[in-house]
Every structure is written in structure tokens, then in C-alpha cells.
Amino acid sequence: MASDNNVYSRKATLSLKISEFEVPPMQDLLIIGRKAPIGPEAVRRMADALSPEQFTLIKMNHPKIEAVLLRNTLLQMIDEKLLMKIILEEAERMISDSMVLRSELKIALSVQREVDLL
């Protein structure tokens, strides 16, 4: 039997993430679409102006992605080809050719060694 009392409720859920402001504000990498409003050379100049010699621009032969700007420390930790393969696999699922995506990429190294006991 249906009740005549209508229950009406409006609620909002807020999620707030606060982190340290970083210069430049592009985090670890930018993925630049072929028709993005800002091109790879402008992105490179911006990075050089804000953080000289901290980023490398890698131009791509990809239907939607023109270039990727990467923090140099990432390239010192992981092989460029392997890193680009992973970035492209994940980014090409969500990027359009007019977008610029920024991403945070944290690398954690895990080491396990086995030694002979005396």
C-alpha cells in the first residue's frame, strides 16, 4: 500500500582535495592534443620560463597526441620508451585532439633481495 507522505530530500556531497601549490602548475606531465589551444612550443616556452631545464618535450607521431611534456626526473628513473608506452596507452582512451591533459605521476621503487645466511 502506497503512502501519501512524499519524502523529498536534497543533499550535496563535497569532496575537497588540498595539495601544495607547485610551480609550474602543470605537475609531472602534460599531454598535448594535435588541435589543442596551446601548442607544444608554447608549452615548452612556458615550462622553460617557469622551471628552466626541468622538463623535456617529446613530439609524437600519433593521430590525437602531438607532444608530451615530461618532468626530467621521471626520465631519469624510467626508460623513455617504456614510460611513453604507458602514458599513451592510458591517455589515448580519454584525450581528444583538442585537449591538454595534465597528470601527476609518482614512481615508487620496490626492492626485495634474497641473501645467503652464514
C-alpha atoms as a PDB file:
ATOM      1  CA  MET A   1       0.000   0.000   0.000  1.00  0.00           C
ATOM      2  CA  ALA A   2       1.498   3.335  -1.037  1.00  0.00           C
ATOM      3  CA  SER A   3       1.851   6.100   1.496  1.00  0.00           C
ATOM      4  CA  ASP A   4       0.520   9.588   0.836  1.00  0.00           C
ATOM      5  CA  ASN A   5       3.530  11.112   2.580  1.00  0.00           C
ATOM      6  CA  ASN A   6       6.037  12.205  -0.042  1.00  0.00           C
ATOM      7  CA  VAL A   7       9.605  12.238   1.108  1.00  0.00           C
ATOM      8  CA  TYR A   8      11.731  14.868  -0.516  1.00  0.00           C
ATOM      9  CA  SER A   9      15.357  15.403   0.232  1.00  0.00           C
ATOM     10  CA  ARG A  10      18.166  17.387  -1.385  1.00  0.00           C
ATOM     11  CA  LYS A  11      21.726  16.664  -0.396  1.00  0.00           C
ATOM     12  CA  ALA A  12      25.146  17.542  -1.683  1.00  0.00           C
ATOM     13  CA  THR A  13      28.378  15.725  -1.149  1.00  0.00           C
ATOM     14  CA  LEU A  14      31.555  17.767  -1.277  1.00  0.00           C
ATOM     15  CA  SER A  15      35.000  16.440  -1.807  1.00  0.00           C
ATOM     16  CA  LEU A  16      37.926  18.778  -1.306  1.00  0.00           C
ATOM     17  CA  LYS A  17      41.488  17.880  -2.143  1.00  0.00           C
ATOM     18  CA  ILE A  18      44.153  20.290  -0.986  1.00  0.00           C
ATOM     19  CA  SER A  19      47.745  19.973  -2.032  1.00  0.00           C
ATOM     20  CA  GLU A  20      50.854  22.083  -2.167  1.00  0.00           C
ATOM     21  CA  PHE A  21      50.932  24.656  -4.947  1.00  0.00           C
ATOM     22  CA  GLU A  22      53.659  23.751  -7.376  1.00  0.00           C
ATOM     23  CA  VAL A  23      55.500  25.891  -9.873  1.00  0.00           C
ATOM     24  CA  PRO A  24      54.903  25.350 -12.684  1.00  0.00           C
ATOM     25  CA  PRO A  25      51.297  24.327 -12.076  1.00  0.00           C
ATOM     26  CA  MET A  26      51.443  21.513 -14.599  1.00  0.00           C
ATOM     27  CA  GLN A  27      52.620  18.774 -12.268  1.00  0.00           C
ATOM     28  CA  ASP A  28      54.655  15.962 -13.819  1.00  0.00           C
ATOM     29  CA  LEU A  29      53.472  15.814 -17.392  1.00  0.00           C
ATOM     30  CA  LEU A  30      51.276  17.443 -19.998  1.00  0.00           C
ATOM     31  CA  ILE A  31      49.752  15.574 -22.921  1.00  0.00           C
ATOM     32  CA  ILE A  32      49.043  17.953 -25.774  1.00  0.00           C
ATOM     33  CA  GLY A  33      46.410  17.156 -28.394  1.00  0.00           C
ATOM     34  CA  ARG A  34      47.022  17.900 -32.070  1.00  0.00           C
ATOM     35  CA  LYS A  35      44.365  20.673 -32.139  1.00  0.00           C
ATOM     36  CA  ALA A  36      44.847  21.909 -28.567  1.00  0.00           C
ATOM     37  CA  PRO A  37      44.511  25.651 -27.931  1.00  0.00           C
ATOM     38  CA  ILE A  38      48.138  25.724 -26.793  1.00  0.00           C
ATOM     39  CA  GLY A  39      50.783  24.058 -28.920  1.00  0.00           C
ATOM     40  CA  PRO A  40      53.878  22.127 -27.900  1.00  0.00           C
ATOM     41  CA  GLU A  41      56.298  25.008 -28.489  1.00  0.00           C
ATOM     42  CA  ALA A  42      54.224  27.390 -26.354  1.00  0.00           C
ATOM     43  CA  VAL A  43      54.075  24.732 -23.630  1.00  0.00           C
ATOM     44  CA  ARG A  44      57.841  24.252 -23.820  1.00  0.00           C
ATOM     45  CA  ARG A  45      58.460  28.029 -23.574  1.00  0.00           C
ATOM     46  CA  MET A  46      56.094  28.238 -20.583  1.00  0.00           C
ATOM     47  CA  ALA A  47      57.905  25.385 -18.851  1.00  0.00           C
ATOM     48  CA  ASP A  48      61.308  26.915 -19.566  1.00  0.00           C
ATOM     49  CA  ALA A  49      60.178  30.288 -18.250  1.00  0.00           C
ATOM     50  CA  LEU A  50      58.740  28.853 -15.028  1.00  0.00           C
ATOM     51  CA  SER A  51      61.133  25.962 -14.393  1.00  0.00           C
ATOM     52  CA  PRO A  52      64.199  26.109 -16.599  1.00  0.00           C
ATOM     53  CA  GLU A  53      65.653  22.746 -17.633  1.00  0.00           C
ATOM     54  CA  GLN A  54      63.180  20.689 -15.597  1.00  0.00           C
ATOM     55  CA  PHE A  55      61.032  19.414 -18.479  1.00  0.00           C
ATOM     56  CA  THR A  56      61.565  17.679 -21.820  1.00  0.00           C
ATOM     57  CA  LEU A  57      59.199  17.989 -24.775  1.00  0.00           C
ATOM     58  CA  ILE A  58      58.705  14.756 -26.714  1.00  0.00           C
ATOM     59  CA  LYS A  59      56.930  15.130 -30.053  1.00  0.00           C
ATOM     60  CA  MET A  60      54.714  12.227 -31.071  1.00  0.00           C
ATOM     61  CA  ASN A  61      53.617  10.596 -34.293  1.00  0.00           C
ATOM     62  CA  HIS A  62      50.094   9.875 -33.022  1.00  0.00           C
ATOM     63  CA  PRO A  63      46.656  10.642 -34.529  1.00  0.00           C
ATOM     64  CA  LYS A  64      45.403  12.605 -31.486  1.00  0.00           C
ATOM     65  CA  ILE A  65      48.500  13.483 -29.438  1.00  0.00           C
ATOM     66  CA  GLU A  66      51.072  15.943 -30.758  1.00  0.00           C
ATOM     67  CA  ALA A  67      53.508  16.005 -27.859  1.00  0.00           C
ATOM     68  CA  VAL A  68      54.132  15.119 -24.238  1.00  0.00           C
ATOM     69  CA  LEU A  69      55.985  17.368 -21.824  1.00  0.00           C
ATOM     70  CA  LEU A  70      57.667  15.317 -19.108  1.00  0.00           C
ATOM     71  CA  ARG A  71      59.479  16.217 -15.907  1.00  0.00           C
ATOM     72  CA  ASN A  72      63.127  15.255 -16.427  1.00  0.00           C
ATOM     73  CA  THR A  73      63.361  13.397 -13.126  1.00  0.00           C
ATOM     74  CA  LEU A  74      60.833  10.862 -14.435  1.00  0.00           C
ATOM     75  CA  LEU A  75      63.055  10.179 -17.435  1.00  0.00           C
ATOM     76  CA  GLN A  76      65.972   9.617 -15.097  1.00  0.00           C
ATOM     77  CA  MET A  77      64.034   6.903 -13.252  1.00  0.00           C
ATOM     78  CA  ILE A  78      62.306   5.014 -16.070  1.00  0.00           C
ATOM     79  CA  ASP A  79      63.255   4.316 -19.682  1.00  0.00           C
ATOM     80  CA  GLU A  80      61.645   6.876 -22.011  1.00  0.00           C
ATOM     81  CA  LYS A  81      60.154   4.271 -24.377  1.00  0.00           C
ATOM     82  CA  LEU A  82      58.549   2.332 -21.541  1.00  0.00           C
ATOM     83  CA  LEU A  83      57.222   5.484 -19.885  1.00  0.00           C
ATOM     84  CA  MET A  84      55.777   6.848 -23.141  1.00  0.00           C
ATOM     85  CA  LYS A  85      54.143   3.500 -23.939  1.00  0.00           C
ATOM     86  CA  ILE A  86      52.317   3.531 -20.589  1.00  0.00           C
ATOM     87  CA  ILE A  87      51.328   7.208 -20.863  1.00  0.00           C
ATOM     88  CA  LEU A  88      49.970   6.771 -24.389  1.00  0.00           C
ATOM     89  CA  GLU A  89      48.046   3.606 -23.521  1.00  0.00           C
ATOM     90  CA  GLU A  90      46.229   5.396 -20.716  1.00  0.00           C
ATOM     91  CA  ALA A  91      45.855   8.849 -22.288  1.00  0.00           C
ATOM     92  CA  GLU A  92      44.589   7.836 -25.705  1.00  0.00           C
ATOM     93  CA  ARG A  93      41.468   6.359 -24.081  1.00  0.00           C
ATOM     94  CA  MET A  94      40.353   9.742 -22.782  1.00  0.00           C
ATOM     95  CA  ILE A  95      42.030  12.503 -24.801  1.00  0.00           C
ATOM     96  CA  SER A  96      40.560  14.237 -27.813  1.00  0.00           C
ATOM     97  CA  ASP A  97      42.782  16.056 -30.275  1.00  0.00           C
ATOM     98  CA  SER A  98      41.721  19.451 -28.844  1.00  0.00           C
ATOM     99  CA  MET A  99      42.596  18.681 -25.213  1.00  0.00           C
ATOM    100  CA  VAL A 100      45.608  19.238 -22.996  1.00  0.00           C
ATOM    101  CA  LEU A 101      45.773  16.789 -20.121  1.00  0.00           C
ATOM    102  CA  ARG A 102      47.954  17.201 -17.098  1.00  0.00           C
ATOM    103  CA  SER A 103      48.929  14.325 -14.925  1.00  0.00           C
ATOM    104  CA  GLU A 104      50.665  13.521 -11.716  1.00  0.00           C
ATOM    105  CA  LEU A 105      52.985  10.553 -11.974  1.00  0.00           C
ATOM    106  CA  LYS A 106      54.590   9.184  -8.862  1.00  0.00           C
ATOM    107  CA  ILE A 107      57.095   6.383  -9.033  1.00  0.00           C
ATOM    108  CA  ALA A 108      57.655   4.114  -6.065  1.00  0.00           C
ATOM    109  CA  LEU A 109      60.500   1.672  -6.192  1.00  0.00           C
ATOM    110  CA  SER A 110      60.104  -1.678  -4.508  1.00  0.00           C
ATOM    111  CA  VAL A 111      63.169  -3.829  -3.897  1.00  0.00           C
ATOM    112  CA  GLN A 112      63.377  -7.289  -2.460  1.00  0.00           C
ATOM    113  CA  ARG A 113      66.655  -9.137  -2.084  1.00  0.00           C
ATOM    114  CA  GLU A 114      67.465 -12.620  -1.027  1.00  0.00           C
ATOM    115  CA  VAL A 115      70.806 -13.271   0.635  1.00  0.00           C
ATOM    116  CA  ASP A 116      72.571 -16.393   1.774  1.00  0.00           C
ATOM    117  CA  LEU A 117      72.753 -16.905   5.512  1.00  0.00           C
ATOM    118  CA  LEU A 118      76.102 -17.577   7.100  1.00  0.00           C
END
